[in-house]
Every structure is written in C-alpha cells, then in structure tokens.
Amino acid sequence: VWLAASEHPSGRFWHDREERPTHILPRTRESEDE
C-alpha cells in the first residue's frame, strides 16, 4: 500500500518501506543473457 499510495523510484526491491538488495548470495546472480 505504501508503494502504491505515493511515488517511489522504479525498478527497486522493497521490504518494510525500505529498498533492499536483490542478492545476498553470489551464486544467485544471473547474467544479462539469462
């Protein structure tokens, strides 16, 4: 609801009203080709 009710930067990953990293473990990173 917070993301929808006001404007925030596009393309980000959020949890509890804060931007979060999309990766913690190196092995989960995808390539541009993927």
PDB file of all heavy atoms in Angstrom:
ATOM      1  N   VAL A   1       0.838  -1.204   0.000  1.00  0.00           N
ATOM      2  CA  VAL A   1       0.000   0.000   0.000  1.00  0.00           C
ATOM      3  C   VAL A   1       0.870   1.250   0.000  1.00  0.00           C
ATOM      4  O   VAL A   1       0.578   2.229  -0.698  1.00  0.00           O
ATOM      5  CB  VAL A   1      -0.957  -0.023   1.206  1.00  0.00           C
ATOM      6  CG1 VAL A   1      -1.883   1.185   1.183  1.00  0.00           C
ATOM      7  CG2 VAL A   1      -1.772  -1.320   1.206  1.00  0.00           C
ATOM      8  N   TRP A   2       1.952   1.237   0.749  1.00  0.00           N
ATOM      9  CA  TRP A   2       2.885   2.379   0.792  1.00  0.00           C
ATOM     10  C   TRP A   2       3.470   2.661  -0.583  1.00  0.00           C
ATOM     11  O   TRP A   2       3.554   3.826  -0.994  1.00  0.00           O
ATOM     12  CB  TRP A   2       3.972   2.056   1.803  1.00  0.00           C
ATOM     13  CG  TRP A   2       5.087   3.052   1.903  1.00  0.00           C
ATOM     14  CD1 TRP A   2       5.065   4.253   2.552  1.00  0.00           C
ATOM     15  CD2 TRP A   2       6.405   2.926   1.344  1.00  0.00           C
ATOM     16  NE1 TRP A   2       6.290   4.887   2.433  1.00  0.00           N
ATOM     17  CE2 TRP A   2       7.122   4.090   1.701  1.00  0.00           C
ATOM     18  CE3 TRP A   2       7.032   1.939   0.595  1.00  0.00           C
ATOM     19  CZ2 TRP A   2       8.451   4.292   1.316  1.00  0.00           C
ATOM     20  CZ3 TRP A   2       8.355   2.126   0.212  1.00  0.00           C
ATOM     21  CH2 TRP A   2       9.049   3.307   0.569  1.00  0.00           C
ATOM     22  N   LEU A   3       3.874   1.619  -1.304  1.00  0.00           N
ATOM     23  CA  LEU A   3       4.426   1.813  -2.647  1.00  0.00           C
ATOM     24  C   LEU A   3       3.393   2.391  -3.601  1.00  0.00           C
ATOM     25  O   LEU A   3       3.727   3.171  -4.501  1.00  0.00           O
ATOM     26  CB  LEU A   3       4.940   0.479  -3.201  1.00  0.00           C
ATOM     27  CG  LEU A   3       6.250  -0.044  -2.618  1.00  0.00           C
ATOM     28  CD1 LEU A   3       6.469  -1.495  -3.013  1.00  0.00           C
ATOM     29  CD2 LEU A   3       7.426   0.822  -3.071  1.00  0.00           C
ATOM     30  N   ALA A   4       2.137   2.000  -3.428  1.00  0.00           N
ATOM     31  CA  ALA A   4       1.081   2.442  -4.334  1.00  0.00           C
ATOM     32  C   ALA A   4       0.542   3.824  -4.002  1.00  0.00           C
ATOM     33  O   ALA A   4       0.067   4.546  -4.881  1.00  0.00           O
ATOM     34  CB  ALA A   4      -0.071   1.434  -4.310  1.00  0.00           C
ATOM     35  N   ALA A   5       0.616   4.206  -2.736  1.00  0.00           N
ATOM     36  CA  ALA A   5      -0.022   5.446  -2.291  1.00  0.00           C
ATOM     37  C   ALA A   5       0.795   6.691  -2.603  1.00  0.00           C
ATOM     38  O   ALA A   5       0.268   7.802  -2.589  1.00  0.00           O
ATOM     39  CB  ALA A   5      -0.301   5.379  -0.792  1.00  0.00           C
ATOM     40  N   SER A   6       2.086   6.535  -2.876  1.00  0.00           N
ATOM     41  CA  SER A   6       2.939   7.685  -3.182  1.00  0.00           C
ATOM     42  C   SER A   6       4.024   7.235  -4.154  1.00  0.00           C
ATOM     43  O   SER A   6       4.204   6.040  -4.398  1.00  0.00           O
ATOM     44  CB  SER A   6       3.553   8.267  -1.900  1.00  0.00           C
ATOM     45  OG  SER A   6       4.192   7.256  -1.148  1.00  0.00           O
ATOM     46  N   GLU A   7       4.758   8.189  -4.711  1.00  0.00           N
ATOM     47  CA  GLU A   7       5.744   7.868  -5.744  1.00  0.00           C
ATOM     48  C   GLU A   7       7.085   7.450  -5.133  1.00  0.00           C
ATOM     49  O   GLU A   7       7.554   8.059  -4.163  1.00  0.00           O
ATOM     50  CB  GLU A   7       5.926   9.066  -6.673  1.00  0.00           C
ATOM     51  CG  GLU A   7       4.674   9.402  -7.479  1.00  0.00           C
ATOM     52  CD  GLU A   7       4.909  10.513  -8.485  1.00  0.00           C
ATOM     53  OE1 GLU A   7       5.882  10.416  -9.258  1.00  0.00           O
ATOM     54  OE2 GLU A   7       4.123  11.479  -8.488  1.00  0.00           O
ATOM     55  N   HIS A   8       7.685   6.425  -5.736  1.00  0.00           N
ATOM     56  CA  HIS A   8       8.978   5.899  -5.305  1.00  0.00           C
ATOM     57  C   HIS A   8       9.788   5.510  -6.540  1.00  0.00           C
ATOM     58  O   HIS A   8       9.224   5.270  -7.608  1.00  0.00           O
ATOM     59  CB  HIS A   8       8.786   4.687  -4.394  1.00  0.00           C
ATOM     60  CG  HIS A   8       7.912   4.952  -3.213  1.00  0.00           C
ATOM     61  ND1 HIS A   8       8.375   5.582  -2.079  1.00  0.00           N
ATOM     62  CD2 HIS A   8       6.589   4.718  -3.005  1.00  0.00           C
ATOM     63  CE1 HIS A   8       7.383   5.699  -1.211  1.00  0.00           C
ATOM     64  NE2 HIS A   8       6.284   5.189  -1.746  1.00  0.00           N
ATOM     65  N   PRO A   9      11.119   5.416  -6.432  1.00  0.00           N
ATOM     66  CA  PRO A   9      11.940   5.068  -7.592  1.00  0.00           C
ATOM     67  C   PRO A   9      11.543   3.716  -8.186  1.00  0.00           C
ATOM     68  O   PRO A   9      11.320   2.748  -7.460  1.00  0.00           O
ATOM     69  CB  PRO A   9      13.364   5.023  -7.015  1.00  0.00           C
ATOM     70  CG  PRO A   9      13.309   5.872  -5.791  1.00  0.00           C
ATOM     71  CD  PRO A   9      11.940   5.702  -5.236  1.00  0.00           C
ATOM     72  N   SER A  10      11.461   3.659  -9.497  1.00  0.00           N
ATOM     73  CA  SER A  10      11.034   2.449 -10.187  1.00  0.00           C
ATOM     74  C   SER A  10      12.163   1.430 -10.274  1.00  0.00           C
ATOM     75  O   SER A  10      13.348   1.767 -10.252  1.00  0.00           O
ATOM     76  CB  SER A  10      10.561   2.811 -11.598  1.00  0.00           C
ATOM     77  OG  SER A  10      10.032   1.694 -12.278  1.00  0.00           O
ATOM     78  N   GLY A  11      11.771   0.149 -10.374  1.00  0.00           N
ATOM     79  CA  GLY A  11      12.738  -0.909 -10.596  1.00  0.00           C
ATOM     80  C   GLY A  11      13.468  -1.383  -9.362  1.00  0.00           C
ATOM     81  O   GLY A  11      14.457  -2.109  -9.468  1.00  0.00           O
ATOM     82  N   ARG A  12      13.011  -1.024  -8.179  1.00  0.00           N
ATOM     83  CA  ARG A  12      13.701  -1.394  -6.932  1.00  0.00           C
ATOM     84  C   ARG A  12      12.949  -2.533  -6.228  1.00  0.00           C
ATOM     85  O   ARG A  12      11.805  -2.841  -6.540  1.00  0.00           O
ATOM     86  CB  ARG A  12      13.807  -0.191  -6.004  1.00  0.00           C
ATOM     87  CG  ARG A  12      14.316   1.089  -6.678  1.00  0.00           C
ATOM     88  CD  ARG A  12      15.758   0.998  -7.113  1.00  0.00           C
ATOM     89  NE  ARG A  12      16.173   2.185  -7.841  1.00  0.00           N
ATOM     90  CZ  ARG A  12      16.584   3.330  -7.261  1.00  0.00           C
ATOM     91  NH1 ARG A  12      16.610   3.412  -5.936  1.00  0.00           N
ATOM     92  NH2 ARG A  12      16.957   4.347  -7.997  1.00  0.00           N
ATOM     93  N   PHE A  13      13.618  -3.123  -5.246  1.00  0.00           N
ATOM     94  CA  PHE A  13      13.066  -4.205  -4.436  1.00  0.00           C
ATOM     95  C   PHE A  13      12.920  -3.695  -3.008  1.00  0.00           C
ATOM     96  O   PHE A  13      13.871  -3.145  -2.443  1.00  0.00           O
ATOM     97  CB  PHE A  13      13.999  -5.418  -4.497  1.00  0.00           C
ATOM     98  CG  PHE A  13      13.491  -6.624  -3.762  1.00  0.00           C
ATOM     99  CD1 PHE A  13      12.319  -7.246  -4.132  1.00  0.00           C
ATOM    100  CD2 PHE A  13      14.228  -7.161  -2.702  1.00  0.00           C
ATOM    101  CE1 PHE A  13      11.866  -8.380  -3.453  1.00  0.00           C
ATOM    102  CE2 PHE A  13      13.788  -8.296  -2.028  1.00  0.00           C
ATOM    103  CZ  PHE A  13      12.595  -8.901  -2.410  1.00  0.00           C
ATOM    104  N   TRP A  14      11.755  -3.904  -2.391  1.00  0.00           N
ATOM    105  CA  TRP A  14      11.427  -3.260  -1.122  1.00  0.00           C
ATOM    106  C   TRP A  14      10.966  -4.262  -0.073  1.00  0.00           C
ATOM    107  O   TRP A  14      10.387  -5.295  -0.389  1.00  0.00           O
ATOM    108  CB  TRP A  14      10.313  -2.227  -1.328  1.00  0.00           C
ATOM    109  CG  TRP A  14      10.571  -1.227  -2.396  1.00  0.00           C
ATOM    110  CD1 TRP A  14      10.334  -1.374  -3.740  1.00  0.00           C
ATOM    111  CD2 TRP A  14      11.131   0.085  -2.244  1.00  0.00           C
ATOM    112  NE1 TRP A  14      10.700  -0.229  -4.419  1.00  0.00           N
ATOM    113  CE2 TRP A  14      11.198   0.676  -3.527  1.00  0.00           C
ATOM    114  CE3 TRP A  14      11.579   0.816  -1.138  1.00  0.00           C
ATOM    115  CZ2 TRP A  14      11.690   1.951  -3.732  1.00  0.00           C
ATOM    116  CZ3 TRP A  14      12.070   2.096  -1.337  1.00  0.00           C
ATOM    117  CH2 TRP A  14      12.114   2.660  -2.620  1.00  0.00           C
ATOM    118  N   HIS A  15      11.194  -3.890   1.182  1.00  0.00           N
ATOM    119  CA  HIS A  15      10.658  -4.633   2.325  1.00  0.00           C
ATOM    120  C   HIS A  15      10.547  -3.653   3.476  1.00  0.00           C
ATOM    121  O   HIS A  15      11.494  -2.912   3.774  1.00  0.00           O
ATOM    122  CB  HIS A  15      11.582  -5.800   2.697  1.00  0.00           C
ATOM    123  CG  HIS A  15      11.231  -6.472   3.992  1.00  0.00           C
ATOM    124  ND1 HIS A  15      10.002  -7.061   4.203  1.00  0.00           N
ATOM    125  CD2 HIS A  15      11.931  -6.651   5.155  1.00  0.00           C
ATOM    126  CE1 HIS A  15       9.977  -7.574   5.429  1.00  0.00           C
ATOM    127  NE2 HIS A  15      11.125  -7.333   6.025  1.00  0.00           N
ATOM    128  N   ASP A  16       9.387  -3.630   4.112  1.00  0.00           N
ATOM    129  CA  ASP A  16       9.149  -2.727   5.240  1.00  0.00           C
ATOM    130  C   ASP A  16       9.558  -1.286   4.926  1.00  0.00           C
ATOM    131  O   ASP A  16      10.327  -0.649   5.677  1.00  0.00           O
ATOM    132  CB  ASP A  16       9.878  -3.235   6.489  1.00  0.00           C
ATOM    133  CG  ASP A  16       9.131  -4.390   7.158  1.00  0.00           C
ATOM    134  OD1 ASP A  16       7.978  -4.656   6.773  1.00  0.00           O
ATOM    135  OD2 ASP A  16       9.702  -5.025   8.065  1.00  0.00           O
ATOM    136  N   ARG A  17       9.049  -0.796   3.787  1.00  0.00           N
ATOM    137  CA  ARG A  17       9.195   0.601   3.371  1.00  0.00           C
ATOM    138  C   ARG A  17      10.634   1.048   3.145  1.00  0.00           C
ATOM    139  O   ARG A  17      10.933   2.244   3.179  1.00  0.00           O
ATOM    140  CB  ARG A  17       8.522   1.553   4.382  1.00  0.00           C
ATOM    141  CG  ARG A  17       7.040   1.310   4.580  1.00  0.00           C
ATOM    142  CD  ARG A  17       6.388   2.497   5.277  1.00  0.00           C
ATOM    143  NE  ARG A  17       4.995   2.236   5.619  1.00  0.00           N
ATOM    144  CZ  ARG A  17       4.159   3.148   6.106  1.00  0.00           C
ATOM    145  NH1 ARG A  17       4.586   4.394   6.293  1.00  0.00           N
ATOM    146  NH2 ARG A  17       2.915   2.833   6.408  1.00  0.00           N
ATOM    147  N   GLU A  18      11.529   0.100   2.904  1.00  0.00           N
ATOM    148  CA  GLU A  18      12.917   0.434   2.589  1.00  0.00           C
ATOM    149  C   GLU A  18      13.379  -0.400   1.399  1.00  0.00           C
ATOM    150  O   GLU A  18      12.978  -1.553   1.241  1.00  0.00           O
ATOM    151  CB  GLU A  18      13.842   0.152   3.783  1.00  0.00           C
ATOM    152  CG  GLU A  18      13.693   1.128   4.937  1.00  0.00           C
ATOM    153  CD  GLU A  18      14.287   2.495   4.651  1.00  0.00           C
ATOM    154  OE1 GLU A  18      15.142   2.594   3.735  1.00  0.00           O
ATOM    155  OE2 GLU A  18      13.906   3.450   5.335  1.00  0.00           O
ATOM    156  N   GLU A  19      14.244   0.204   0.580  1.00  0.00           N
ATOM    157  CA  GLU A  19      14.841  -0.543  -0.523  1.00  0.00           C
ATOM    158  C   GLU A  19      15.787  -1.602   0.028  1.00  0.00           C
ATOM    159  O   GLU A  19      16.540  -1.349   0.966  1.00  0.00           O
ATOM    160  CB  GLU A  19      15.602   0.404  -1.448  1.00  0.00           C
ATOM    161  CG  GLU A  19      16.190  -0.297  -2.655  1.00  0.00           C
ATOM    162  CD  GLU A  19      16.986   0.627  -3.538  1.00  0.00           C
ATOM    163  OE1 GLU A  19      16.936   1.865  -3.324  1.00  0.00           O
ATOM    164  OE2 GLU A  19      17.693   0.117  -4.438  1.00  0.00           O
ATOM    165  N   ARG A  20      15.742  -2.790  -0.566  1.00  0.00           N
ATOM    166  CA  ARG A  20      16.585  -3.897  -0.136  1.00  0.00           C
ATOM    167  C   ARG A  20      17.412  -4.408  -1.316  1.00  0.00           C
ATOM    168  O   ARG A  20      17.030  -4.244  -2.469  1.00  0.00           O
ATOM    169  CB  ARG A  20      15.730  -5.054   0.403  1.00  0.00           C
ATOM    170  CG  ARG A  20      14.730  -4.642   1.476  1.00  0.00           C
ATOM    171  CD  ARG A  20      15.398  -4.204   2.757  1.00  0.00           C
ATOM    172  NE  ARG A  20      14.410  -3.625   3.688  1.00  0.00           N
ATOM    173  CZ  ARG A  20      14.693  -3.142   4.877  1.00  0.00           C
ATOM    174  NH1 ARG A  20      15.942  -3.159   5.311  1.00  0.00           N
ATOM    175  NH2 ARG A  20      13.736  -2.637   5.637  1.00  0.00           N
ATOM    176  N   PRO A  21      18.540  -5.071  -1.026  1.00  0.00           N
ATOM    177  CA  PRO A  21      19.315  -5.684  -2.117  1.00  0.00           C
ATOM    178  C   PRO A  21      18.529  -6.834  -2.734  1.00  0.00           C
ATOM    179  O   PRO A  21      17.703  -7.471  -2.065  1.00  0.00           O
ATOM    180  CB  PRO A  21      20.572  -6.182  -1.409  1.00  0.00           C
ATOM    181  CG  PRO A  21      20.147  -6.399   0.009  1.00  0.00           C
ATOM    182  CD  PRO A  21      19.137  -5.316   0.294  1.00  0.00           C
ATOM    183  N   THR A  22      18.785  -7.124  -4.006  1.00  0.00           N
ATOM    184  CA  THR A  22      18.112  -8.254  -4.648  1.00  0.00           C
ATOM    185  C   THR A  22      18.924  -9.539  -4.540  1.00  0.00           C
ATOM    186  O   THR A  22      18.414 -10.617  -4.836  1.00  0.00           O
ATOM    187  CB  THR A  22      17.834  -7.946  -6.125  1.00  0.00           C
ATOM    188  OG1 THR A  22      19.064  -7.575  -6.761  1.00  0.00           O
ATOM    189  CG2 THR A  22      16.841  -6.807  -6.259  1.00  0.00           C
ATOM    190  N   HIS A  23      20.194  -9.423  -4.135  1.00  0.00           N
ATOM    191  CA  HIS A  23      21.038 -10.604  -3.964  1.00  0.00           C
ATOM    192  C   HIS A  23      21.801 -10.496  -2.652  1.00  0.00           C
ATOM    193  O   HIS A  23      22.298  -9.429  -2.297  1.00  0.00           O
ATOM    194  CB  HIS A  23      22.046 -10.735  -5.103  1.00  0.00           C
ATOM    195  CG  HIS A  23      21.427 -10.976  -6.443  1.00  0.00           C
ATOM    196  ND1 HIS A  23      21.069 -12.222  -6.897  1.00  0.00           N
ATOM    197  CD2 HIS A  23      21.081 -10.106  -7.432  1.00  0.00           C
ATOM    198  CE1 HIS A  23      20.548 -12.123  -8.100  1.00  0.00           C
ATOM    199  NE2 HIS A  23      20.536 -10.861  -8.442  1.00  0.00           N
ATOM    200  N   ILE A  24      21.896 -11.620  -1.969  1.00  0.00           N
ATOM    201  CA  ILE A  24      22.753 -11.743  -0.787  1.00  0.00           C
ATOM    202  C   ILE A  24      23.863 -12.746  -1.069  1.00  0.00           C
ATOM    203  O   ILE A  24      25.007 -12.544  -0.680  1.00  0.00           O
ATOM    204  CB  ILE A  24      21.931 -12.162   0.444  1.00  0.00           C
ATOM    205  CG1 ILE A  24      20.921 -11.068   0.810  1.00  0.00           C
ATOM    206  CG2 ILE A  24      22.847 -12.435   1.635  1.00  0.00           C
ATOM    207  CD1 ILE A  24      19.999 -11.430   1.950  1.00  0.00           C
ATOM    208  N   LEU A  25      23.516 -13.816  -1.767  1.00  0.00           N
ATOM    209  CA  LEU A  25      24.475 -14.875  -2.084  1.00  0.00           C
ATOM    210  C   LEU A  25      24.977 -14.706  -3.519  1.00  0.00           C
ATOM    211  O   LEU A  25      24.170 -14.572  -4.446  1.00  0.00           O
ATOM    212  CB  LEU A  25      23.814 -16.245  -1.925  1.00  0.00           C
ATOM    213  CG  LEU A  25      23.175 -16.530  -0.559  1.00  0.00           C
ATOM    214  CD1 LEU A  25      22.410 -17.842  -0.603  1.00  0.00           C
ATOM    215  CD2 LEU A  25      24.238 -16.554   0.530  1.00  0.00           C
ATOM    216  N   PRO A  26      26.299 -14.730  -3.733  1.00  0.00           N
ATOM    217  CA  PRO A  26      26.837 -14.579  -5.091  1.00  0.00           C
ATOM    218  C   PRO A  26      26.290 -15.606  -6.075  1.00  0.00           C
ATOM    219  O   PRO A  26      26.110 -15.304  -7.261  1.00  0.00           O
ATOM    220  CB  PRO A  26      28.354 -14.744  -4.894  1.00  0.00           C
ATOM    221  CG  PRO A  26      28.593 -14.367  -3.467  1.00  0.00           C
ATOM    222  CD  PRO A  26      27.382 -14.826  -2.725  1.00  0.00           C
ATOM    223  N   ARG A  27      26.005 -16.816  -5.616  1.00  0.00           N
ATOM    224  CA  ARG A  27      25.572 -17.874  -6.528  1.00  0.00           C
ATOM    225  C   ARG A  27      24.196 -17.631  -7.132  1.00  0.00           C
ATOM    226  O   ARG A  27      23.811 -18.315  -8.084  1.00  0.00           O
ATOM    227  CB  ARG A  27      25.580 -19.227  -5.805  1.00  0.00           C
ATOM    228  CG  ARG A  27      24.565 -19.338  -4.670  1.00  0.00           C
ATOM    229  CD  ARG A  27      24.576 -20.733  -4.053  1.00  0.00           C
ATOM    230  NE  ARG A  27      23.675 -20.849  -2.915  1.00  0.00           N
ATOM    231  CZ  ARG A  27      22.368 -21.041  -3.011  1.00  0.00           C
ATOM    232  NH1 ARG A  27      21.797 -21.126  -4.205  1.00  0.00           N
ATOM    233  NH2 ARG A  27      21.631 -21.149  -1.907  1.00  0.00           N
ATOM    234  N   THR A  28      23.450 -16.683  -6.588  1.00  0.00           N
ATOM    235  CA  THR A  28      22.108 -16.435  -7.125  1.00  0.00           C
ATOM    236  C   THR A  28      22.112 -15.403  -8.251  1.00  0.00           C
ATOM    237  O   THR A  28      21.072 -15.179  -8.872  1.00  0.00           O
ATOM    238  CB  THR A  28      21.156 -15.939  -6.023  1.00  0.00           C
ATOM    239  OG1 THR A  28      21.591 -14.637  -5.574  1.00  0.00           O
ATOM    240  CG2 THR A  28      21.118 -16.908  -4.855  1.00  0.00           C
ATOM    241  N   ARG A  29      23.243 -14.795  -8.530  1.00  0.00           N
ATOM    242  CA  ARG A  29      23.284 -13.722  -9.541  1.00  0.00           C
ATOM    243  C   ARG A  29      23.114 -14.293 -10.944  1.00  0.00           C
ATOM    244  O   ARG A  29      23.715 -15.307 -11.285  1.00  0.00           O
ATOM    245  CB  ARG A  29      24.588 -12.934  -9.436  1.00  0.00           C
ATOM    246  CG  ARG A  29      24.714 -12.178  -8.127  1.00  0.00           C
ATOM    247  CD  ARG A  29      25.914 -11.249  -8.111  1.00  0.00           C
ATOM    248  NE  ARG A  29      25.988 -10.546  -6.844  1.00  0.00           N
ATOM    249  CZ  ARG A  29      25.304  -9.436  -6.552  1.00  0.00           C
ATOM    250  NH1 ARG A  29      24.531  -8.897  -7.475  1.00  0.00           N
ATOM    251  NH2 ARG A  29      25.419  -8.868  -5.369  1.00  0.00           N
ATOM    252  N   GLU A  30      22.306 -13.602 -11.737  1.00  0.00           N
ATOM    253  CA  GLU A  30      22.055 -14.021 -13.103  1.00  0.00           C
ATOM    254  C   GLU A  30      22.856 -13.158 -14.073  1.00  0.00           C
ATOM    255  O   GLU A  30      23.243 -12.037 -13.738  1.00  0.00           O
ATOM    256  CB  GLU A  30      20.560 -13.917 -13.443  1.00  0.00           C
ATOM    257  CG  GLU A  30      20.025 -12.500 -13.554  1.00  0.00           C
ATOM    258  CD  GLU A  30      19.750 -11.834 -12.222  1.00  0.00           C
ATOM    259  OE1 GLU A  30      19.710 -12.547 -11.193  1.00  0.00           O
ATOM    260  OE2 GLU A  30      19.557 -10.600 -12.213  1.00  0.00           O
ATOM    261  N   SER A  31      23.105 -13.679 -15.259  1.00  0.00           N
ATOM    262  CA  SER A  31      23.819 -12.925 -16.286  1.00  0.00           C
ATOM    263  C   SER A  31      22.830 -12.105 -17.110  1.00  0.00           C
ATOM    264  O   SER A  31      21.616 -12.339 -17.071  1.00  0.00           O
ATOM    265  CB  SER A  31      24.579 -13.886 -17.212  1.00  0.00           C
ATOM    266  OG  SER A  31      23.657 -14.675 -17.955  1.00  0.00           O
ATOM    267  N   GLU A  32      23.356 -11.169 -17.878  1.00  0.00           N
ATOM    268  CA  GLU A  32      22.492 -10.385 -18.771  1.00  0.00           C
ATOM    269  C   GLU A  32      21.841 -11.291 -19.805  1.00  0.00           C
ATOM    270  O   GLU A  32      20.690 -11.073 -20.188  1.00  0.00           O
ATOM    271  CB  GLU A  32      23.310  -9.286 -19.455  1.00  0.00           C
ATOM    272  CG  GLU A  32      23.616  -8.101 -18.559  1.00  0.00           C
ATOM    273  CD  GLU A  32      22.352  -7.415 -18.050  1.00  0.00           C
ATOM    274  OE1 GLU A  32      21.396  -7.256 -18.841  1.00  0.00           O
ATOM    275  OE2 GLU A  32      22.317  -7.056 -16.859  1.00  0.00           O
ATOM    276  N   ASP A  33      22.567 -12.289 -20.251  1.00  0.00           N
ATOM    277  CA  ASP A  33      21.994 -13.226 -21.215  1.00  0.00           C
ATOM    278  C   ASP A  33      20.815 -13.977 -20.608  1.00  0.00           C
ATOM    279  O   ASP A  33      19.785 -14.178 -21.264  1.00  0.00           O
ATOM    280  CB  ASP A  33      23.065 -14.217 -21.686  1.00  0.00           C
ATOM    281  CG  ASP A  33      22.509 -15.229 -22.675  1.00  0.00           C
ATOM    282  OD1 ASP A  33      22.117 -14.818 -23.786  1.00  0.00           O
ATOM    283  OD2 ASP A  33      22.442 -16.429 -22.324  1.00  0.00           O
ATOM    284  N   GLU A  34      20.937 -14.394 -19.360  1.00  0.00           N
ATOM    285  CA  GLU A  34      19.832 -15.091 -18.693  1.00  0.00           C
ATOM    286  C   GLU A  34      18.620 -14.173 -18.539  1.00  0.00           C
ATOM    287  O   GLU A  34      17.470 -14.614 -18.693  1.00  0.00           O
ATOM    288  CB  GLU A  34      20.284 -15.611 -17.335  1.00  0.00           C
ATOM    289  CG  GLU A  34      21.232 -16.796 -17.414  1.00  0.00           C
ATOM    290  CD  GLU A  34      21.761 -17.206 -16.068  1.00  0.00           C
ATOM    291  OE1 GLU A  34      22.210 -16.322 -15.303  1.00  0.00           O
ATOM    292  OE2 GLU A  34      21.738 -18.415 -15.766  1.00  0.00           O
TER     293      GLU A  34
END
